[in-house]
């Protein structure tokens, strides 16, 4: 069973935490009231937090992450609750209960670098058949049954199963790139390092750090783009862009779109139809 987890240097460099399993699966069933769910968006460094109950115990703080296609529980908590390997029978978030949730245990308290770290990461893909709305300006999280209309390439976009995580096309100084929409990232826009040479920069990019991971060491560069950065009909205000190949996801190198951009939008995820919408 092949797993890819980014597992080091994340807290120190404020990088995204990718949690990807090749066999990530939706819950067996979802129970929710007709009105769905509406709750305040708590956060940690820009990452949305929710309180969940596991097998009736809790609450425990989890990061709600579009950068994870599997739900992950801190290994100490999994041992404390004597959870069955690879599965939680009942995970409750407000009035929404997920049953038969595939999970992975990882040493999250070490990765997040805090004694008060969240106890898990809840995959945003856990609600197929429901719309997950992250309203950053109003600081609300909503879940309601429904579907997004087909993509229009202006405010709505689609992504394929092979692309694993929600991602969107961007035009950066006239060059089209793909970027994951990652609520687990506190940054703005990170692109594969090859774009340092392909995109016009106001000045030579400077190295701002080094990420050490089980996959090797990856320099992190920062530079200012000469030209606009567009997401569909929206022009993004980006003082600088980061460049790195730290992304361990399968497929061709892809960028990463984090909190410093997402905070401007109401982001709606339709994981069943693999669609995502941005509203201002």
Protein backbone atom coordinates (compact mmCIF):
# COMPACT_ATOMS: atom_id res chain seq x y z
CA UNK A 1 0.00 0.00 0.00
CA UNK A 2 1.71 3.17 -1.18
CA UNK A 3 1.61 6.25 1.03
CA UNK A 4 3.02 9.71 0.43
CA UNK A 5 3.20 12.03 3.42
CA UNK A 6 5.14 15.22 3.76
CA UNK A 7 6.54 14.87 7.26
CA UNK A 8 9.23 17.39 8.22
CA UNK A 9 10.18 21.08 8.51
CA UNK A 10 6.59 22.18 7.98
CA UNK A 11 6.12 24.13 11.20
CA UNK A 12 9.52 25.81 11.06
CA UNK A 13 9.09 27.11 7.51
CA UNK A 14 5.31 27.51 7.59
CA UNK A 15 4.90 25.15 4.66
CA UNK A 16 1.85 23.06 3.77
CA UNK A 17 1.30 19.64 5.28
CA UNK A 18 0.32 17.25 2.48
CA UNK A 19 -1.40 14.04 3.56
CA UNK A 20 -2.08 11.84 0.58
CA UNK A 21 -2.83 8.13 0.36
CA UNK A 22 -3.31 6.35 -2.93
CA UNK A 23 -6.35 4.57 -1.47
CA UNK A 24 -8.06 7.46 0.31
CA UNK A 25 -11.77 6.60 0.56
CA UNK A 26 -14.94 8.54 1.49
CA UNK A 27 -16.87 7.52 4.62
CA UNK A 28 -19.38 4.69 4.31
CA UNK A 29 -22.26 7.03 5.17
CA UNK A 30 -23.02 10.60 6.25
CA UNK A 31 -25.78 11.63 8.65
CA UNK A 32 -26.80 15.28 8.70
CA UNK A 33 -29.88 17.37 9.47
CA UNK A 34 -31.82 18.93 6.61
CA UNK A 35 -30.36 22.33 7.46
CA UNK A 36 -26.81 21.06 7.32
CA UNK A 37 -24.14 22.63 9.50
CA UNK A 38 -23.00 26.20 10.16
CA UNK A 39 -20.25 26.88 12.68
CA UNK A 40 -17.53 29.44 13.41
CA UNK A 41 -14.19 29.01 11.67
CA UNK A 42 -11.49 28.77 14.29
CA UNK A 43 -7.95 28.84 12.97
CA UNK A 44 -4.30 28.15 13.69
CA UNK A 45 -1.93 30.23 11.61
CA UNK A 46 -4.59 30.53 8.91
CA UNK A 47 -5.46 26.83 8.91
CA UNK A 48 -9.20 26.27 9.65
CA UNK A 49 -9.87 24.24 12.80
CA UNK A 50 -12.95 22.24 13.76
CA UNK A 51 -13.85 20.25 16.85
CA UNK A 52 -14.66 16.59 16.27
CA UNK A 53 -15.79 13.67 18.40
CA UNK A 54 -14.29 10.23 17.77
CA UNK A 55 -16.34 7.22 18.83
CA UNK A 56 -18.32 9.55 21.12
CA UNK A 57 -15.24 10.99 22.85
CA UNK A 58 -13.87 14.50 22.57
CA UNK A 59 -13.99 17.16 21.36
CA UNK A 60 -10.60 17.20 19.67
CA UNK A 61 -9.31 19.99 17.43
CA UNK A 62 -8.64 18.96 13.82
CA UNK A 63 -7.32 20.95 10.87
CA UNK A 64 -9.90 20.94 8.04
CA UNK A 65 -7.63 20.40 5.07
CA UNK A 66 -8.20 20.35 1.32
CA UNK A 67 -4.54 19.29 1.11
CA UNK A 68 -5.37 15.87 2.58
CA UNK A 69 -7.28 13.13 0.81
CA UNK A 70 -7.30 10.97 3.95
CA UNK A 71 -8.16 11.85 7.55
CA UNK A 72 -5.19 11.58 9.90
CA UNK A 73 -5.22 11.17 13.70
CA UNK A 74 -2.29 11.83 15.98
CA UNK A 75 -0.84 8.44 16.88
CA UNK A 76 -0.90 9.16 20.63
CA UNK A 77 -4.63 9.93 20.46
CA UNK A 78 -5.28 6.81 18.38
CA UNK A 79 -3.57 4.71 21.06
CA UNK A 80 -5.41 6.54 23.85
CA UNK A 81 -8.77 5.80 22.23
CA UNK A 82 -7.79 2.25 21.19
CA UNK A 83 -8.99 2.95 17.67
CA UNK A 84 -9.21 0.08 15.24
CA UNK A 85 -6.41 0.11 12.71
CA UNK A 86 -7.33 2.20 9.68
CA UNK A 87 -10.91 3.02 10.63
CA UNK A 88 -13.18 5.13 12.85
CA UNK A 89 -16.78 3.95 13.12
CA UNK A 90 -18.19 7.38 14.07
CA UNK A 91 -16.64 10.82 13.59
CA UNK A 92 -18.97 13.68 14.53
CA UNK A 93 -18.57 17.33 13.53
CA UNK A 94 -21.39 19.40 15.03
CA UNK A 95 -24.61 17.76 13.82
CA UNK A 96 -22.88 15.89 10.99
CA UNK A 97 -21.74 12.32 11.65
CA UNK A 98 -19.42 10.39 9.35
CA UNK A 99 -19.56 6.61 9.72
CA UNK A 100 -16.89 4.17 8.63
CA UNK A 101 -14.10 6.73 8.12
CA UNK A 102 -10.79 5.50 6.73
CA UNK A 103 -7.98 7.05 8.79
CA UNK A 104 -4.22 7.00 9.15
CA UNK A 105 -2.29 7.61 12.38
CA UNK A 106 0.80 9.83 12.28
CA UNK A 107 2.96 11.65 14.91
CA UNK A 108 1.21 14.98 14.25
CA UNK A 109 2.22 16.58 17.56
CA UNK A 110 5.84 16.27 16.44
CA UNK A 111 5.16 17.52 12.92
CA UNK A 112 3.19 20.59 14.02
CA UNK A 113 5.81 21.60 16.57
CA UNK A 114 3.46 22.71 19.35
CA UNK A 115 2.43 21.36 22.72
CA UNK A 116 -1.09 22.59 21.92
CA UNK A 117 -1.14 21.15 18.41
CA UNK A 118 -4.38 19.90 16.81
CA UNK A 119 -4.95 16.18 17.32
CA UNK A 120 -5.75 15.39 13.72
CA UNK A 121 -6.37 16.47 10.13
CA UNK A 122 -9.88 16.07 8.71
CA UNK A 123 -9.86 15.60 4.96
CA UNK A 124 -12.12 18.10 3.21
CA UNK A 125 -13.02 15.27 0.81
CA UNK A 126 -14.96 13.55 3.62
CA UNK A 127 -18.35 14.96 2.57
CA UNK A 128 -19.26 13.60 -0.91
CA UNK A 129 -22.79 14.64 -1.85
CA UNK A 130 -22.46 17.74 0.34
CA UNK A 131 -21.01 21.17 -0.30
CA UNK A 132 -18.26 22.21 2.08
CA UNK A 133 -18.17 26.01 2.27
CA UNK A 134 -15.20 27.79 3.84
CA UNK A 135 -16.29 31.40 4.18
CA UNK A 136 -13.01 33.09 5.10
CA UNK A 137 -14.28 36.71 5.19
CA UNK A 138 -17.16 35.79 7.55
CA UNK A 139 -15.05 33.14 9.35
CA UNK A 140 -17.75 30.48 8.98
CA UNK A 141 -17.77 26.84 7.89
CA UNK A 142 -20.94 25.44 6.35
CA UNK A 143 -21.90 21.98 5.15
CA UNK A 144 -25.09 21.41 3.17
CA UNK A 145 -26.36 18.83 0.74
CA UNK A 146 -26.02 19.79 -2.92
CA UNK A 147 -23.88 19.97 -6.04
CA UNK A 148 -21.98 22.74 -7.78
CA UNK A 149 -22.89 23.51 -11.42
CA UNK A 150 -20.35 22.49 -14.08
CA UNK A 151 -17.13 24.48 -14.37
CA UNK A 152 -17.23 27.83 -16.15
CA UNK A 153 -13.48 28.62 -15.90
CA UNK A 154 -14.36 31.94 -14.27
CA UNK A 155 -15.38 31.13 -10.70
CA UNK A 156 -15.82 27.33 -10.89
CA UNK A 157 -13.23 24.74 -11.81
CA UNK A 158 -12.98 20.96 -12.09
CA UNK A 159 -10.11 18.61 -11.27
CA UNK A 160 -9.56 14.98 -12.22
CA UNK A 161 -9.16 11.91 -10.03
CA UNK A 162 -5.57 11.64 -11.23
CA UNK A 163 -4.91 15.14 -9.85
CA UNK A 164 -5.81 13.76 -6.38
CA UNK A 165 -6.34 17.07 -4.54
CA UNK A 166 -8.53 20.05 -5.55
CA UNK A 167 -6.55 22.20 -7.94
CA UNK A 168 -7.17 25.11 -10.28
CA UNK A 169 -5.55 26.71 -13.33
CA UNK A 170 -3.76 30.03 -12.78
CA UNK A 171 -2.33 32.46 -15.30
CA UNK A 172 0.93 33.83 -13.96
CA UNK A 173 2.36 36.59 -16.18
CA UNK A 174 0.57 34.93 -19.09
CA UNK A 175 1.80 31.40 -18.30
CA UNK A 176 -0.78 28.79 -17.27
CA UNK A 177 0.11 26.71 -14.20
CA UNK A 178 -1.87 24.37 -11.96
CA UNK A 179 -2.02 24.89 -8.21
CA UNK A 180 -3.52 22.82 -5.41
CA UNK A 181 -6.09 24.65 -3.28
CA UNK A 182 -4.65 23.92 0.15
CA UNK A 183 -6.42 25.10 3.31
CA UNK A 184 -3.62 23.45 5.30
CA UNK A 185 -1.06 25.90 3.92
CA UNK A 186 -0.51 29.26 5.66
CA UNK A 187 1.33 30.67 2.63
CA UNK A 188 0.26 32.41 -0.58
CA UNK A 189 1.43 30.83 -3.85
CA UNK A 190 4.25 28.30 -4.16
CA UNK A 191 5.31 27.09 -7.62
CA UNK A 192 7.72 24.38 -8.78
CA UNK A 193 11.27 25.71 -8.90
CA UNK A 194 11.50 25.47 -12.71
CA UNK A 195 9.22 28.52 -12.93
CA UNK A 196 12.03 30.68 -11.51
CA UNK A 197 13.50 30.57 -15.01
CA UNK A 198 10.24 30.51 -16.97
CA UNK A 199 8.46 33.48 -15.36
CA UNK A 200 9.49 37.15 -15.51
CA UNK A 201 10.70 38.33 -12.09
CA UNK A 202 11.26 41.89 -10.89
CA UNK A 203 14.62 40.76 -9.48
CA UNK A 204 16.51 37.51 -9.03
CA UNK A 205 14.72 35.21 -6.56
CA UNK A 206 16.39 34.87 -3.16
CA UNK A 207 16.63 31.73 -1.04
CA UNK A 208 14.55 32.10 2.13
CA UNK A 209 15.05 28.70 3.72
CA UNK A 210 15.62 24.99 3.34
CA UNK A 211 13.04 22.27 3.91
CA UNK A 212 14.42 18.96 5.15
CA UNK A 213 12.06 16.05 4.51
CA UNK A 214 12.31 12.25 4.22
CA UNK A 215 12.42 12.86 0.46
CA UNK A 216 15.53 15.06 0.68
CA UNK A 217 16.39 18.72 1.16
CA UNK A 218 14.60 21.38 -0.88
CA UNK A 219 15.53 25.08 -1.04
CA UNK A 220 12.69 27.58 -0.80
CA UNK A 221 13.03 30.68 -2.98
CA UNK A 222 11.05 33.92 -3.03
CA UNK A 223 10.60 36.39 -5.86
CA UNK A 224 8.27 39.07 -7.19
CA UNK A 225 6.42 38.36 -10.44
CA UNK A 226 6.42 40.98 -13.19
CA UNK A 227 2.86 40.68 -14.43
CA UNK A 228 -0.56 39.70 -13.17
CA UNK A 229 -1.63 36.49 -11.43
CA UNK A 230 -5.17 35.46 -12.37
CA UNK A 231 -7.57 32.82 -11.08
CA UNK A 232 -10.42 32.71 -13.58
CA UNK A 233 -12.05 36.15 -13.44
CA UNK A 234 -10.11 37.19 -10.35
CA UNK A 235 -6.80 39.01 -10.27
CA UNK A 236 -4.77 38.02 -7.22
CA UNK A 237 -2.76 40.50 -5.18
CA UNK A 238 0.60 38.78 -4.65
CA UNK A 239 3.58 40.76 -3.37
CA UNK A 240 5.81 37.72 -3.87
CA UNK A 241 5.75 34.07 -4.94
CA UNK A 242 7.66 31.13 -3.47
CA UNK A 243 9.41 28.48 -5.54
CA UNK A 244 10.28 24.96 -4.38
CA UNK A 245 10.13 21.29 -5.35
CA UNK A 246 9.19 20.20 -1.82
CA UNK A 247 5.76 19.02 -3.04
CA UNK A 248 5.75 15.18 -2.85
CA UNK A 249 2.47 14.56 -4.67
CA UNK A 250 2.19 12.16 -7.61
CA UNK A 251 2.04 13.41 -11.17
CA UNK A 252 3.67 16.46 -12.78
CA UNK A 253 4.93 19.25 -10.48
CA UNK A 254 2.06 21.43 -9.27
CA UNK A 255 1.86 24.71 -7.37
CA UNK A 256 0.20 25.33 -4.03
CA UNK A 257 -2.39 28.01 -3.18
CA UNK A 258 -2.67 28.76 0.54
CA UNK A 259 -4.31 30.92 3.18
CA UNK A 260 -2.88 34.30 2.16
CA UNK A 261 -4.90 33.97 -1.06
CA UNK A 262 -7.84 31.88 0.13
CA UNK A 263 -8.68 34.35 2.92
CA UNK A 264 -10.05 36.70 0.25
CA UNK A 265 -12.72 34.21 -0.85
CA UNK A 266 -15.68 32.04 0.00
CA UNK A 267 -14.41 28.65 -1.17
CA UNK A 268 -16.95 25.90 -1.92
CA UNK A 269 -15.81 22.31 -2.45
CA UNK A 270 -17.96 19.65 -4.16
CA UNK A 271 -15.81 16.55 -3.66
CA UNK A 272 -18.32 14.18 -5.30
CA UNK A 273 -18.20 16.00 -8.63
CA UNK A 274 -14.60 17.19 -8.12
CA UNK A 275 -15.51 20.85 -8.48
CA UNK A 276 -14.46 23.95 -6.56
CA UNK A 277 -15.88 27.47 -6.59
CA UNK A 278 -14.52 30.87 -5.53
CA UNK A 279 -16.73 33.84 -4.62
CA UNK A 280 -15.92 37.32 -3.37
